[in-house]
């Protein structure tokens, strides 16, 4: 009985480690916010803000999938962009331990570069 319960708990943790938890706000869903490459955004757009964002990269002793952590951080950046009137976001640092710096930009009329590849 104990072994079955322990196995079920481990399986649940493994499933949760692959989940994303951050969802877009209604404001973000109604906005046309682009995800750009950081270098192109810095050259072609006006930076409004830079924010260091953090999400959990571990669930207990289980490491979350890096793609899910990156997705959550990107979604957080988009949500923040919608609140300050930015029309683009771009990562300004590498993802490490669930932390990444994202820039919020105003690019309308600046011919922004194509969106960065972000598979989810």
PDB file of N, CA and C in Angstrom:
ATOM      1  N   UNK A   1       0.817  -1.196   0.000  1.00  0.00           N
ATOM      2  CA  UNK A   1       0.000   0.000   0.000  1.00  0.00           C
ATOM      3  C   UNK A   1       0.864   1.264   0.000  1.00  0.00           C
ATOM      4  N   UNK A   2       1.875   1.281   0.891  1.00  0.00           N
ATOM      5  CA  UNK A   2       2.756   2.441   0.963  1.00  0.00           C
ATOM      6  C   UNK A   2       3.532   2.629  -0.335  1.00  0.00           C
ATOM      7  N   UNK A   3       3.944   1.515  -0.902  1.00  0.00           N
ATOM      8  CA  UNK A   3       4.719   1.587  -2.136  1.00  0.00           C
ATOM      9  C   UNK A   3       3.857   2.151  -3.273  1.00  0.00           C
ATOM     10  N   UNK A   4       2.617   1.759  -3.330  1.00  0.00           N
ATOM     11  CA  UNK A   4       1.713   2.263  -4.367  1.00  0.00           C
ATOM     12  C   UNK A   4       1.477   3.762  -4.183  1.00  0.00           C
ATOM     13  N   UNK A   5       1.313   4.203  -2.947  1.00  0.00           N
ATOM     14  CA  UNK A   5       1.112   5.626  -2.665  1.00  0.00           C
ATOM     15  C   UNK A   5       2.354   6.435  -3.036  1.00  0.00           C
ATOM     16  N   UNK A   6       3.518   5.917  -2.692  1.00  0.00           N
ATOM     17  CA  UNK A   6       4.765   6.588  -3.037  1.00  0.00           C
ATOM     18  C   UNK A   6       4.929   6.663  -4.553  1.00  0.00           C
ATOM     19  N   UNK A   7       4.615   5.595  -5.246  1.00  0.00           N
ATOM     20  CA  UNK A   7       4.713   5.588  -6.714  1.00  0.00           C
ATOM     21  C   UNK A   7       3.751   6.601  -7.323  1.00  0.00           C
ATOM     22  N   UNK A   8       2.558   6.691  -6.777  1.00  0.00           N
ATOM     23  CA  UNK A   8       1.571   7.649  -7.276  1.00  0.00           C
ATOM     24  C   UNK A   8       2.050   9.085  -7.046  1.00  0.00           C
ATOM     25  N   UNK A   9       2.634   9.357  -5.905  1.00  0.00           N
ATOM     26  CA  UNK A   9       3.154  10.703  -5.611  1.00  0.00           C
ATOM     27  C   UNK A   9       4.300  11.062  -6.549  1.00  0.00           C
ATOM     28  N   UNK A  10       5.185  10.135  -6.792  1.00  0.00           N
ATOM     29  CA  UNK A  10       6.311  10.391  -7.705  1.00  0.00           C
ATOM     30  C   UNK A  10       5.796  10.638  -9.117  1.00  0.00           C
ATOM     31  N   UNK A  11       4.824   9.848  -9.544  1.00  0.00           N
ATOM     32  CA  UNK A  11       4.249  10.040 -10.878  1.00  0.00           C
ATOM     33  C   UNK A  11       3.571  11.403 -10.989  1.00  0.00           C
ATOM     34  N   UNK A  12       2.867  11.821  -9.948  1.00  0.00           N
ATOM     35  CA  UNK A  12       2.196  13.128  -9.964  1.00  0.00           C
ATOM     36  C   UNK A  12       3.226  14.255 -10.034  1.00  0.00           C
ATOM     37  N   UNK A  13       4.303  14.160  -9.276  1.00  0.00           N
ATOM     38  CA  UNK A  13       5.352  15.172  -9.321  1.00  0.00           C
ATOM     39  C   UNK A  13       5.996  15.234 -10.711  1.00  0.00           C
ATOM     40  N   UNK A  14       6.217  14.085 -11.305  1.00  0.00           N
ATOM     41  CA  UNK A  14       6.821  14.055 -12.641  1.00  0.00           C
ATOM     42  C   UNK A  14       5.907  14.725 -13.659  1.00  0.00           C
ATOM     43  N   UNK A  15       4.617  14.499 -13.555  1.00  0.00           N
ATOM     44  CA  UNK A  15       3.665  15.146 -14.469  1.00  0.00           C
ATOM     45  C   UNK A  15       3.635  16.649 -14.247  1.00  0.00           C
ATOM     46  N   UNK A  16       3.612  17.065 -12.993  1.00  0.00           N
ATOM     47  CA  UNK A  16       3.568  18.487 -12.689  1.00  0.00           C
ATOM     48  C   UNK A  16       4.848  19.197 -13.099  1.00  0.00           C
ATOM     49  N   UNK A  17       5.963  18.506 -13.087  1.00  0.00           N
ATOM     50  CA  UNK A  17       7.233  19.117 -13.469  1.00  0.00           C
ATOM     51  C   UNK A  17       7.230  19.531 -14.938  1.00  0.00           C
ATOM     52  N   UNK A  18       6.349  18.956 -15.739  1.00  0.00           N
ATOM     53  CA  UNK A  18       6.260  19.295 -17.149  1.00  0.00           C
ATOM     54  C   UNK A  18       5.139  20.257 -17.470  1.00  0.00           C
ATOM     55  N   UNK A  19       4.560  20.892 -16.478  1.00  0.00           N
ATOM     56  CA  UNK A  19       3.424  21.785 -16.691  1.00  0.00           C
ATOM     57  C   UNK A  19       3.860  23.248 -16.717  1.00  0.00           C
ATOM     58  N   UNK A  20       3.074  24.049 -17.427  1.00  0.00           N
ATOM     59  CA  UNK A  20       3.243  25.499 -17.338  1.00  0.00           C
ATOM     60  C   UNK A  20       2.102  26.030 -16.492  1.00  0.00           C
ATOM     61  N   UNK A  21       2.381  27.071 -15.726  1.00  0.00           N
ATOM     62  CA  UNK A  21       1.384  27.584 -14.797  1.00  0.00           C
ATOM     63  C   UNK A  21       0.976  29.017 -15.068  1.00  0.00           C
ATOM     64  N   UNK A  22       1.750  29.737 -15.840  1.00  0.00           N
ATOM     65  CA  UNK A  22       1.456  31.138 -16.090  1.00  0.00           C
ATOM     66  C   UNK A  22       0.576  31.237 -17.329  1.00  0.00           C
ATOM     67  N   UNK A  23      -0.543  31.938 -17.200  1.00  0.00           N
ATOM     68  CA  UNK A  23      -1.444  32.121 -18.339  1.00  0.00           C
ATOM     69  C   UNK A  23      -1.511  33.602 -18.698  1.00  0.00           C
ATOM     70  N   UNK A  24      -1.852  33.872 -19.951  1.00  0.00           N
ATOM     71  CA  UNK A  24      -1.953  35.263 -20.384  1.00  0.00           C
ATOM     72  C   UNK A  24      -3.161  35.930 -19.742  1.00  0.00           C
ATOM     73  N   UNK A  25      -2.966  37.195 -19.378  1.00  0.00           N
ATOM     74  CA  UNK A  25      -4.050  37.993 -18.826  1.00  0.00           C
ATOM     75  C   UNK A  25      -4.995  38.398 -19.954  1.00  0.00           C
ATOM     76  N   UNK A  26      -6.224  38.816 -19.620  1.00  0.00           N
ATOM     77  CA  UNK A  26      -7.134  39.289 -20.667  1.00  0.00           C
ATOM     78  C   UNK A  26      -6.542  40.446 -21.478  1.00  0.00           C
ATOM     79  N   UNK A  27      -5.799  41.343 -20.803  1.00  0.00           N
ATOM     80  CA  UNK A  27      -5.163  42.472 -21.510  1.00  0.00           C
ATOM     81  C   UNK A  27      -4.135  41.966 -22.523  1.00  0.00           C
ATOM     82  N   UNK A  28      -3.354  40.985 -22.135  1.00  0.00           N
ATOM     83  CA  UNK A  28      -2.338  40.427 -23.032  1.00  0.00           C
ATOM     84  C   UNK A  28      -2.984  39.714 -24.215  1.00  0.00           C
ATOM     85  N   UNK A  29      -4.085  39.025 -23.958  1.00  0.00           N
ATOM     86  CA  UNK A  29      -4.779  38.319 -25.031  1.00  0.00           C
ATOM     87  C   UNK A  29      -5.345  39.293 -26.063  1.00  0.00           C
ATOM     88  N   UNK A  30      -5.702  40.494 -25.631  1.00  0.00           N
ATOM     89  CA  UNK A  30      -6.282  41.493 -26.536  1.00  0.00           C
ATOM     90  C   UNK A  30      -5.220  42.347 -27.221  1.00  0.00           C
ATOM     91  N   UNK A  31      -3.965  42.187 -26.833  1.00  0.00           N
ATOM     92  CA  UNK A  31      -2.881  42.987 -27.397  1.00  0.00           C
ATOM     93  C   UNK A  31      -2.154  42.198 -28.476  1.00  0.00           C
ATOM     94  N   UNK A  32      -1.507  42.923 -29.355  1.00  0.00           N
ATOM     95  CA  UNK A  32      -0.704  42.296 -30.400  1.00  0.00           C
ATOM     96  C   UNK A  32       0.764  42.469 -30.019  1.00  0.00           C
ATOM     97  N   UNK A  33       1.219  41.685 -29.049  1.00  0.00           N
ATOM     98  CA  UNK A  33       2.573  41.812 -28.525  1.00  0.00           C
ATOM     99  C   UNK A  33       3.456  40.771 -29.198  1.00  0.00           C
ATOM    100  N   UNK A  34       4.541  41.250 -29.801  1.00  0.00           N
ATOM    101  CA  UNK A  34       5.462  40.373 -30.505  1.00  0.00           C
ATOM    102  C   UNK A  34       6.585  39.937 -29.580  1.00  0.00           C
ATOM    103  N   UNK A  35       7.090  38.728 -29.821  1.00  0.00           N
ATOM    104  CA  UNK A  35       8.271  38.240 -29.120  1.00  0.00           C
ATOM    105  C   UNK A  35       9.423  38.338 -30.112  1.00  0.00           C
ATOM    106  N   UNK A  36      10.410  39.183 -29.785  1.00  0.00           N
ATOM    107  CA  UNK A  36      11.527  39.459 -30.686  1.00  0.00           C
ATOM    108  C   UNK A  36      12.828  38.915 -30.136  1.00  0.00           C
ATOM    109  N   UNK A  37      13.820  38.858 -30.986  1.00  0.00           N
ATOM    110  CA  UNK A  37      15.183  38.568 -30.578  1.00  0.00           C
ATOM    111  C   UNK A  37      15.710  39.798 -29.833  1.00  0.00           C
ATOM    112  N   UNK A  38      16.420  39.597 -28.747  1.00  0.00           N
ATOM    113  CA  UNK A  38      16.886  40.716 -27.928  1.00  0.00           C
ATOM    114  C   UNK A  38      17.742  41.718 -28.676  1.00  0.00           C
ATOM    115  N   UNK A  39      18.664  41.257 -29.519  1.00  0.00           N
ATOM    116  CA  UNK A  39      19.562  42.162 -30.235  1.00  0.00           C
ATOM    117  C   UNK A  39      18.791  43.032 -31.218  1.00  0.00           C
ATOM    118  N   UNK A  40      17.865  42.424 -31.958  1.00  0.00           N
ATOM    119  CA  UNK A  40      17.075  43.194 -32.924  1.00  0.00           C
ATOM    120  C   UNK A  40      16.188  44.211 -32.222  1.00  0.00           C
ATOM    121  N   UNK A  41      15.596  43.817 -31.104  1.00  0.00           N
ATOM    122  CA  UNK A  41      14.726  44.733 -30.377  1.00  0.00           C
ATOM    123  C   UNK A  41      15.513  45.939 -29.867  1.00  0.00           C
ATOM    124  N   UNK A  42      16.725  45.708 -29.375  1.00  0.00           N
ATOM    125  CA  UNK A  42      17.539  46.807 -28.862  1.00  0.00           C
ATOM    126  C   UNK A  42      17.919  47.794 -29.962  1.00  0.00           C
ATOM    127  N   UNK A  43      18.102  47.300 -31.176  1.00  0.00           N
ATOM    128  CA  UNK A  43      18.496  48.159 -32.294  1.00  0.00           C
ATOM    129  C   UNK A  43      17.294  48.880 -32.901  1.00  0.00           C
ATOM    130  N   UNK A  44      16.186  48.199 -33.038  1.00  0.00           N
ATOM    131  CA  UNK A  44      15.054  48.725 -33.809  1.00  0.00           C
ATOM    132  C   UNK A  44      13.930  49.339 -32.984  1.00  0.00           C
ATOM    133  N   UNK A  45      13.949  49.153 -31.689  1.00  0.00           N
ATOM    134  CA  UNK A  45      12.805  49.568 -30.872  1.00  0.00           C
ATOM    135  C   UNK A  45      13.253  50.422 -29.688  1.00  0.00           C
ATOM    136  N   UNK A  46      12.301  51.101 -29.082  1.00  0.00           N
ATOM    137  CA  UNK A  46      12.560  51.892 -27.876  1.00  0.00           C
ATOM    138  C   UNK A  46      12.284  51.022 -26.655  1.00  0.00           C
ATOM    139  N   UNK A  47      13.298  50.862 -25.795  1.00  0.00           N
ATOM    140  CA  UNK A  47      13.112  50.048 -24.589  1.00  0.00           C
ATOM    141  C   UNK A  47      12.353  50.860 -23.550  1.00  0.00           C
ATOM    142  N   UNK A  48      11.256  50.284 -23.077  1.00  0.00           N
ATOM    143  CA  UNK A  48      10.441  50.922 -22.046  1.00  0.00           C
ATOM    144  C   UNK A  48      10.917  50.495 -20.661  1.00  0.00           C
ATOM    145  N   UNK A  49      11.232  49.208 -20.522  1.00  0.00           N
ATOM    146  CA  UNK A  49      11.644  48.679 -19.225  1.00  0.00           C
ATOM    147  C   UNK A  49      12.377  47.364 -19.427  1.00  0.00           C
ATOM    148  N   UNK A  50      13.113  46.965 -18.406  1.00  0.00           N
ATOM    149  CA  UNK A  50      13.735  45.649 -18.357  1.00  0.00           C
ATOM    150  C   UNK A  50      13.413  45.052 -17.001  1.00  0.00           C
ATOM    151  N   UNK A  51      12.907  43.847 -16.997  1.00  0.00           N
ATOM    152  CA  UNK A  51      12.482  43.211 -15.752  1.00  0.00           C
ATOM    153  C   UNK A  51      13.130  41.848 -15.606  1.00  0.00           C
ATOM    154  N   UNK A  52      13.648  41.577 -14.429  1.00  0.00           N
ATOM    155  CA  UNK A  52      14.154  40.245 -14.128  1.00  0.00           C
ATOM    156  C   UNK A  52      12.974  39.416 -13.635  1.00  0.00           C
ATOM    157  N   UNK A  53      12.641  38.397 -14.391  1.00  0.00           N
ATOM    158  CA  UNK A  53      11.485  37.564 -14.076  1.00  0.00           C
ATOM    159  C   UNK A  53      11.955  36.227 -13.525  1.00  0.00           C
ATOM    160  N   UNK A  54      11.157  35.663 -12.627  1.00  0.00           N
ATOM    161  CA  UNK A  54      11.513  34.387 -12.007  1.00  0.00           C
ATOM    162  C   UNK A  54      10.285  33.511 -11.872  1.00  0.00           C
ATOM    163  N   UNK A  55      10.461  32.249 -12.236  1.00  0.00           N
ATOM    164  CA  UNK A  55       9.442  31.230 -11.999  1.00  0.00           C
ATOM    165  C   UNK A  55      10.140  30.023 -11.385  1.00  0.00           C
ATOM    166  N   UNK A  56       9.364  29.157 -10.791  1.00  0.00           N
ATOM    167  CA  UNK A  56       9.929  27.947 -10.201  1.00  0.00           C
ATOM    168  C   UNK A  56      10.474  27.051 -11.311  1.00  0.00           C
ATOM    169  N   UNK A  57      11.717  26.635 -11.162  1.00  0.00           N
ATOM    170  CA  UNK A  57      12.297  25.711 -12.136  1.00  0.00           C
ATOM    171  C   UNK A  57      12.388  24.303 -11.560  1.00  0.00           C
ATOM    172  N   UNK A  58      11.959  24.157 -10.333  1.00  0.00           N
ATOM    173  CA  UNK A  58      11.940  22.846  -9.674  1.00  0.00           C
ATOM    174  C   UNK A  58      10.600  22.676  -8.955  1.00  0.00           C
ATOM    175  N   UNK A  59      10.187  21.456  -8.871  1.00  0.00           N
ATOM    176  CA  UNK A  59       9.009  21.098  -8.089  1.00  0.00           C
ATOM    177  C   UNK A  59       9.484  20.042  -7.106  1.00  0.00           C
ATOM    178  N   UNK A  60       9.785  20.492  -5.897  1.00  0.00           N
ATOM    179  CA  UNK A  60      10.425  19.590  -4.945  1.00  0.00           C
ATOM    180  C   UNK A  60      11.809  19.265  -5.460  1.00  0.00           C
ATOM    181  N   UNK A  61      12.103  18.004  -5.616  1.00  0.00           N
ATOM    182  CA  UNK A  61      13.409  17.599  -6.141  1.00  0.00           C
ATOM    183  C   UNK A  61      13.386  17.387  -7.652  1.00  0.00           C
ATOM    184  N   UNK A  62      12.241  17.585  -8.270  1.00  0.00           N
ATOM    185  CA  UNK A  62      12.096  17.372  -9.718  1.00  0.00           C
ATOM    186  C   UNK A  62      12.397  18.662 -10.476  1.00  0.00           C
ATOM    187  N   UNK A  63      13.246  18.557 -11.490  1.00  0.00           N
ATOM    188  CA  UNK A  63      13.567  19.686 -12.361  1.00  0.00           C
ATOM    189  C   UNK A  63      12.442  19.845 -13.386  1.00  0.00           C
ATOM    190  N   UNK A  64      11.919  21.062 -13.552  1.00  0.00           N
ATOM    191  CA  UNK A  64      10.913  21.310 -14.589  1.00  0.00           C
ATOM    192  C   UNK A  64      11.574  21.316 -15.949  1.00  0.00           C
ATOM    193  N   UNK A  65      10.813  21.025 -16.969  1.00  0.00           N
ATOM    194  CA  UNK A  65      11.337  21.040 -18.326  1.00  0.00           C
ATOM    195  C   UNK A  65      11.708  22.482 -18.693  1.00  0.00           C
ATOM    196  N   UNK A  66      12.921  22.703 -19.238  1.00  0.00           N
ATOM    197  CA  UNK A  66      13.351  24.064 -19.579  1.00  0.00           C
ATOM    198  C   UNK A  66      12.388  24.779 -20.532  1.00  0.00           C
ATOM    199  N   UNK A  67      11.765  24.043 -21.440  1.00  0.00           N
ATOM    200  CA  UNK A  67      10.811  24.656 -22.371  1.00  0.00           C
ATOM    201  C   UNK A  67       9.612  25.235 -21.618  1.00  0.00           C
ATOM    202  N   UNK A  68       9.156  24.540 -20.586  1.00  0.00           N
ATOM    203  CA  UNK A  68       8.015  25.022 -19.808  1.00  0.00           C
ATOM    204  C   UNK A  68       8.397  26.248 -18.973  1.00  0.00           C
ATOM    205  N   UNK A  69       9.595  26.229 -18.409  1.00  0.00           N
ATOM    206  CA  UNK A  69      10.068  27.383 -17.643  1.00  0.00           C
ATOM    207  C   UNK A  69      10.175  28.589 -18.567  1.00  0.00           C
ATOM    208  N   UNK A  70      10.763  28.400 -19.748  1.00  0.00           N
ATOM    209  CA  UNK A  70      10.876  29.480 -20.723  1.00  0.00           C
ATOM    210  C   UNK A  70       9.532  30.002 -21.177  1.00  0.00           C
ATOM    211  N   UNK A  71       8.584  29.101 -21.372  1.00  0.00           N
ATOM    212  CA  UNK A  71       7.225  29.501 -21.771  1.00  0.00           C
ATOM    213  C   UNK A  71       6.587  30.374 -20.695  1.00  0.00           C
ATOM    214  N   UNK A  72       6.733  29.967 -19.439  1.00  0.00           N
ATOM    215  CA  UNK A  72       6.161  30.753 -18.338  1.00  0.00           C
ATOM    216  C   UNK A  72       6.777  32.148 -18.274  1.00  0.00           C
ATOM    217  N   UNK A  73       8.100  32.239 -18.435  1.00  0.00           N
ATOM    218  CA  UNK A  73       8.769  33.540 -18.395  1.00  0.00           C
ATOM    219  C   UNK A  73       8.324  34.425 -19.564  1.00  0.00           C
ATOM    220  N   UNK A  74       8.216  33.845 -20.745  1.00  0.00           N
ATOM    221  CA  UNK A  74       7.754  34.605 -21.910  1.00  0.00           C
ATOM    222  C   UNK A  74       6.336  35.117 -21.685  1.00  0.00           C
ATOM    223  N   UNK A  75       5.480  34.276 -21.135  1.00  0.00           N
ATOM    224  CA  UNK A  75       4.098  34.684 -20.859  1.00  0.00           C
ATOM    225  C   UNK A  75       4.056  35.799 -19.825  1.00  0.00           C
ATOM    226  N   UNK A  76       4.897  35.716 -18.799  1.00  0.00           N
ATOM    227  CA  UNK A  76       4.958  36.791 -17.805  1.00  0.00           C
ATOM    228  C   UNK A  76       5.391  38.104 -18.449  1.00  0.00           C
ATOM    229  N   UNK A  77       6.377  38.033 -19.347  1.00  0.00           N
ATOM    230  CA  UNK A  77       6.850  39.244 -20.034  1.00  0.00           C
ATOM    231  C   UNK A  77       5.736  39.843 -20.889  1.00  0.00           C
ATOM    232  N   UNK A  78       5.004  39.010 -21.592  1.00  0.00           N
ATOM    233  CA  UNK A  78       3.889  39.490 -22.417  1.00  0.00           C
ATOM    234  C   UNK A  78       2.822  40.133 -21.543  1.00  0.00           C
ATOM    235  N   UNK A  79       2.513  39.515 -20.412  1.00  0.00           N
ATOM    236  CA  UNK A  79       1.524  40.090 -19.489  1.00  0.00           C
ATOM    237  C   UNK A  79       1.974  41.466 -19.003  1.00  0.00           C
ATOM    238  N   UNK A  80       3.249  41.600 -18.660  1.00  0.00           N
ATOM    239  CA  UNK A  80       3.757  42.894 -18.200  1.00  0.00           C
ATOM    240  C   UNK A  80       3.731  43.923 -19.317  1.00  0.00           C
ATOM    241  N   UNK A  81       4.069  43.502 -20.526  1.00  0.00           N
ATOM    242  CA  UNK A  81       4.053  44.425 -21.670  1.00  0.00           C
ATOM    243  C   UNK A  81       2.662  44.996 -21.875  1.00  0.00           C
ATOM    244  N   UNK A  82       1.653  44.179 -21.711  1.00  0.00           N
ATOM    245  CA  UNK A  82       0.274  44.634 -21.902  1.00  0.00           C
ATOM    246  C   UNK A  82      -0.113  45.689 -20.874  1.00  0.00           C
ATOM    247  N   UNK A  83       0.458  45.619 -19.680  1.00  0.00           N
ATOM    248  CA  UNK A  83       0.087  46.586 -18.638  1.00  0.00           C
ATOM    249  C   UNK A  83       0.756  47.940 -18.817  1.00  0.00           C
ATOM    250  N   UNK A  84       1.904  47.988 -19.534  1.00  0.00           N
ATOM    251  CA  UNK A  84       2.621  49.257 -19.688  1.00  0.00           C
ATOM    252  C   UNK A  84       2.533  49.823 -21.107  1.00  0.00           C
ATOM    253  N   UNK A  85       1.767  49.184 -21.964  1.00  0.00           N
ATOM    254  CA  UNK A  85       1.593  49.688 -23.326  1.00  0.00           C
ATOM    255  C   UNK A  85       2.714  49.334 -24.283  1.00  0.00           C
ATOM    256  N   UNK A  86       3.537  48.357 -23.939  1.00  0.00           N
ATOM    257  CA  UNK A  86       4.584  47.900 -24.855  1.00  0.00           C
ATOM    258  C   UNK A  86       3.955  47.028 -25.936  1.00  0.00           C
ATOM    259  N   UNK A  87       4.593  46.990 -27.100  1.00  0.00           N
ATOM    260  CA  UNK A  87       4.058  46.146 -28.166  1.00  0.00           C
ATOM    261  C   UNK A  87       5.009  45.021 -28.551  1.00  0.00           C
ATOM    262  N   UNK A  88       6.108  44.874 -27.799  1.00  0.00           N
ATOM    263  CA  UNK A  88       7.049  43.790 -28.051  1.00  0.00           C
ATOM    264  C   UNK A  88       7.822  43.465 -26.782  1.00  0.00           C
ATOM    265  N   UNK A  89       8.260  42.225 -26.695  1.00  0.00           N
ATOM    266  CA  UNK A  89       9.120  41.776 -25.601  1.00  0.00           C
ATOM    267  C   UNK A  89      10.288  41.015 -26.210  1.00  0.00           C
ATOM    268  N   UNK A  90      11.397  40.975 -25.487  1.00  0.00           N
ATOM    269  CA  UNK A  90      12.561  40.234 -25.949  1.00  0.00           C
ATOM    270  C   UNK A  90      13.396  39.809 -24.752  1.00  0.00           C
ATOM    271  N   UNK A  91      13.924  38.596 -24.790  1.00  0.00           N
ATOM    272  CA  UNK A  91      14.824  38.179 -23.706  1.00  0.00           C
ATOM    273  C   UNK A  91      16.140  38.943 -23.806  1.00  0.00           C
ATOM    274  N   UNK A  92      16.613  39.438 -22.672  1.00  0.00           N
ATOM    275  CA  UNK A  92      17.867  40.190 -22.634  1.00  0.00           C
ATOM    276  C   UNK A  92      18.992  39.403 -21.970  1.00  0.00           C
ATOM    277  N   UNK A  93      18.649  38.250 -21.419  1.00  0.00           N
ATOM    278  CA  UNK A  93      19.662  37.395 -20.796  1.00  0.00           C
ATOM    279  C   UNK A  93      19.283  35.944 -21.043  1.00  0.00           C
ATOM    280  N   UNK A  94      20.212  35.064 -20.763  1.00  0.00           N
ATOM    281  CA  UNK A  94      19.932  33.637 -20.861  1.00  0.00           C
ATOM    282  C   UNK A  94      19.102  33.206 -19.652  1.00  0.00           C
ATOM    283  N   UNK A  95      18.354  32.150 -19.824  1.00  0.00           N
ATOM    284  CA  UNK A  95      17.568  31.559 -18.741  1.00  0.00           C
ATOM    285  C   UNK A  95      18.499  30.748 -17.846  1.00  0.00           C
ATOM    286  N   UNK A  96      18.455  31.037 -16.541  1.00  0.00           N
ATOM    287  CA  UNK A  96      19.278  30.293 -15.591  1.00  0.00           C
ATOM    288  C   UNK A  96      18.547  30.173 -14.265  1.00  0.00           C
ATOM    289  N   UNK A  97      18.338  28.938 -13.831  1.00  0.00           N
ATOM    290  CA  UNK A  97      17.691  28.660 -12.542  1.00  0.00           C
ATOM    291  C   UNK A  97      16.324  29.322 -12.430  1.00  0.00           C
ATOM    292  N   UNK A  98      15.580  29.373 -13.516  1.00  0.00           N
ATOM    293  CA  UNK A  98      14.242  29.950 -13.500  1.00  0.00           C
ATOM    294  C   UNK A  98      14.208  31.461 -13.553  1.00  0.00           C
ATOM    295  N   UNK A  99      15.354  32.102 -13.810  1.00  0.00           N
ATOM    296  CA  UNK A  99      15.451  33.568 -13.837  1.00  0.00           C
ATOM    297  C   UNK A  99      15.913  34.012 -15.225  1.00  0.00           C
ATOM    298  N   UNK A 100      15.263  35.056 -15.741  1.00  0.00           N
ATOM    299  CA  UNK A 100      15.657  35.632 -17.026  1.00  0.00           C
ATOM    300  C   UNK A 100      15.208  37.085 -17.074  1.00  0.00           C
ATOM    301  N   UNK A 101      16.036  37.937 -17.660  1.00  0.00           N
ATOM    302  CA  UNK A 101      15.680  39.335 -17.830  1.00  0.00           C
ATOM    303  C   UNK A 101      15.021  39.515 -19.193  1.00  0.00           C
ATOM    304  N   UNK A 102      13.882  40.182 -19.185  1.00  0.00           N
ATOM    305  CA  UNK A 102      13.119  40.455 -20.410  1.00  0.00           C
ATOM    306  C   UNK A 102      12.961  41.958 -20.574  1.00  0.00           C
ATOM    307  N   UNK A 103      13.108  42.424 -21.797  1.00  0.00           N
ATOM    308  CA  UNK A 103      12.885  43.821 -22.112  1.00  0.00           C
ATOM    309  C   UNK A 103      11.484  44.021 -22.661  1.00  0.00           C
ATOM    310  N   UNK A 104      10.887  45.163 -22.313  1.00  0.00           N
ATOM    311  CA  UNK A 104       9.578  45.568 -22.844  1.00  0.00           C
ATOM    312  C   UNK A 104       9.838  46.736 -23.777  1.00  0.00           C
ATOM    313  N   UNK A 105       9.338  46.657 -25.000  1.00  0.00           N
ATOM    314  CA  UNK A 105       9.695  47.612 -26.042  1.00  0.00           C
ATOM    315  C   UNK A 105       8.477  48.219 -26.727  1.00  0.00           C
ATOM    316  N   UNK A 106       8.708  49.397 -27.282  1.00  0.00           N
ATOM    317  CA  UNK A 106       7.741  50.030 -28.179  1.00  0.00           C
ATOM    318  C   UNK A 106       8.380  50.027 -29.565  1.00  0.00           C
ATOM    319  N   UNK A 107       7.760  49.296 -30.495  1.00  0.00           N
ATOM    320  CA  UNK A 107       8.359  49.105 -31.820  1.00  0.00           C
ATOM    321  C   UNK A 107       7.469  49.565 -32.969  1.00  0.00           C
ATOM    322  N   UNK A 108       6.257  49.970 -32.742  1.00  0.00           N
ATOM    323  CA  UNK A 108       5.350  50.335 -33.842  1.00  0.00           C
ATOM    324  C   UNK A 108       6.018  51.366 -34.736  1.00  0.00           C
ATOM    325  N   UNK A 109       5.983  51.101 -36.034  1.00  0.00           N
ATOM    326  CA  UNK A 109       6.592  52.002 -37.001  1.00  0.00           C
ATOM    327  C   UNK A 109       8.092  51.826 -37.108  1.00  0.00           C
ATOM    328  N   UNK A 110       8.674  50.924 -36.337  1.00  0.00           N
ATOM    329  CA  UNK A 110      10.123  50.731 -36.362  1.00  0.00           C
ATOM    330  C   UNK A 110      10.529  49.498 -37.162  1.00  0.00           C
ATOM    331  N   UNK A 111       9.597  48.873 -37.849  1.00  0.00           N
ATOM    332  CA  UNK A 111       9.853  47.660 -38.632  1.00  0.00           C
ATOM    333  C   UNK A 111      10.622  46.626 -37.821  1.00  0.00           C
ATOM    334  N   UNK A 112       9.966  46.074 -36.779  1.00  0.00           N
ATOM    335  CA  UNK A 112      10.666  45.102 -35.931  1.00  0.00           C
ATOM    336  C   UNK A 112      11.071  43.862 -36.713  1.00  0.00           C
ATOM    337  N   UNK A 113      12.102  43.213 -36.217  1.00  0.00           N
ATOM    338  CA  UNK A 113      12.599  41.984 -36.815  1.00  0.00           C
ATOM    339  C   UNK A 113      11.588  40.865 -36.625  1.00  0.00           C
ATOM    340  N   UNK A 114      11.699  39.791 -37.396  1.00  0.00           N
ATOM    341  CA  UNK A 114      10.788  38.653 -37.219  1.00  0.00           C
ATOM    342  C   UNK A 114      10.881  38.083 -35.819  1.00  0.00           C
ATOM    343  N   UNK A 115       9.800  37.471 -35.380  1.00  0.00           N
ATOM    344  CA  UNK A 115       9.740  36.902 -34.031  1.00  0.00           C
ATOM    345  C   UNK A 115      10.776  35.820 -33.851  1.00  0.00           C
ATOM    346  N   UNK A 116      11.324  35.769 -32.638  1.00  0.00           N
ATOM    347  CA  UNK A 116      12.289  34.723 -32.294  1.00  0.00           C
ATOM    348  C   UNK A 116      11.565  33.395 -32.210  1.00  0.00           C
ATOM    349  N   UNK A 117      12.249  32.348 -32.529  1.00  0.00           N
ATOM    350  CA  UNK A 117      11.673  31.004 -32.441  1.00  0.00           C
ATOM    351  C   UNK A 117      11.559  30.605 -30.985  1.00  0.00           C
ATOM    352  N   UNK A 118      10.335  30.270 -30.555  1.00  0.00           N
ATOM    353  CA  UNK A 118      10.100  29.853 -29.170  1.00  0.00           C
ATOM    354  C   UNK A 118       9.124  28.690 -29.201  1.00  0.00           C
ATOM    355  N   UNK A 119       9.621  27.521 -29.383  1.00  0.00           N
ATOM    356  CA  UNK A 119       8.771  26.324 -29.432  1.00  0.00           C
ATOM    357  C   UNK A 119       8.251  26.009 -28.047  1.00  0.00           C
ATOM    358  N   UNK A 120       6.975  25.665 -27.992  1.00  0.00           N
ATOM    359  CA  UNK A 120       6.375  25.269 -26.707  1.00  0.00           C
ATOM    360  C   UNK A 120       5.666  23.979 -26.856  1.00  0.00           C
TER     361      UNK A 120
END
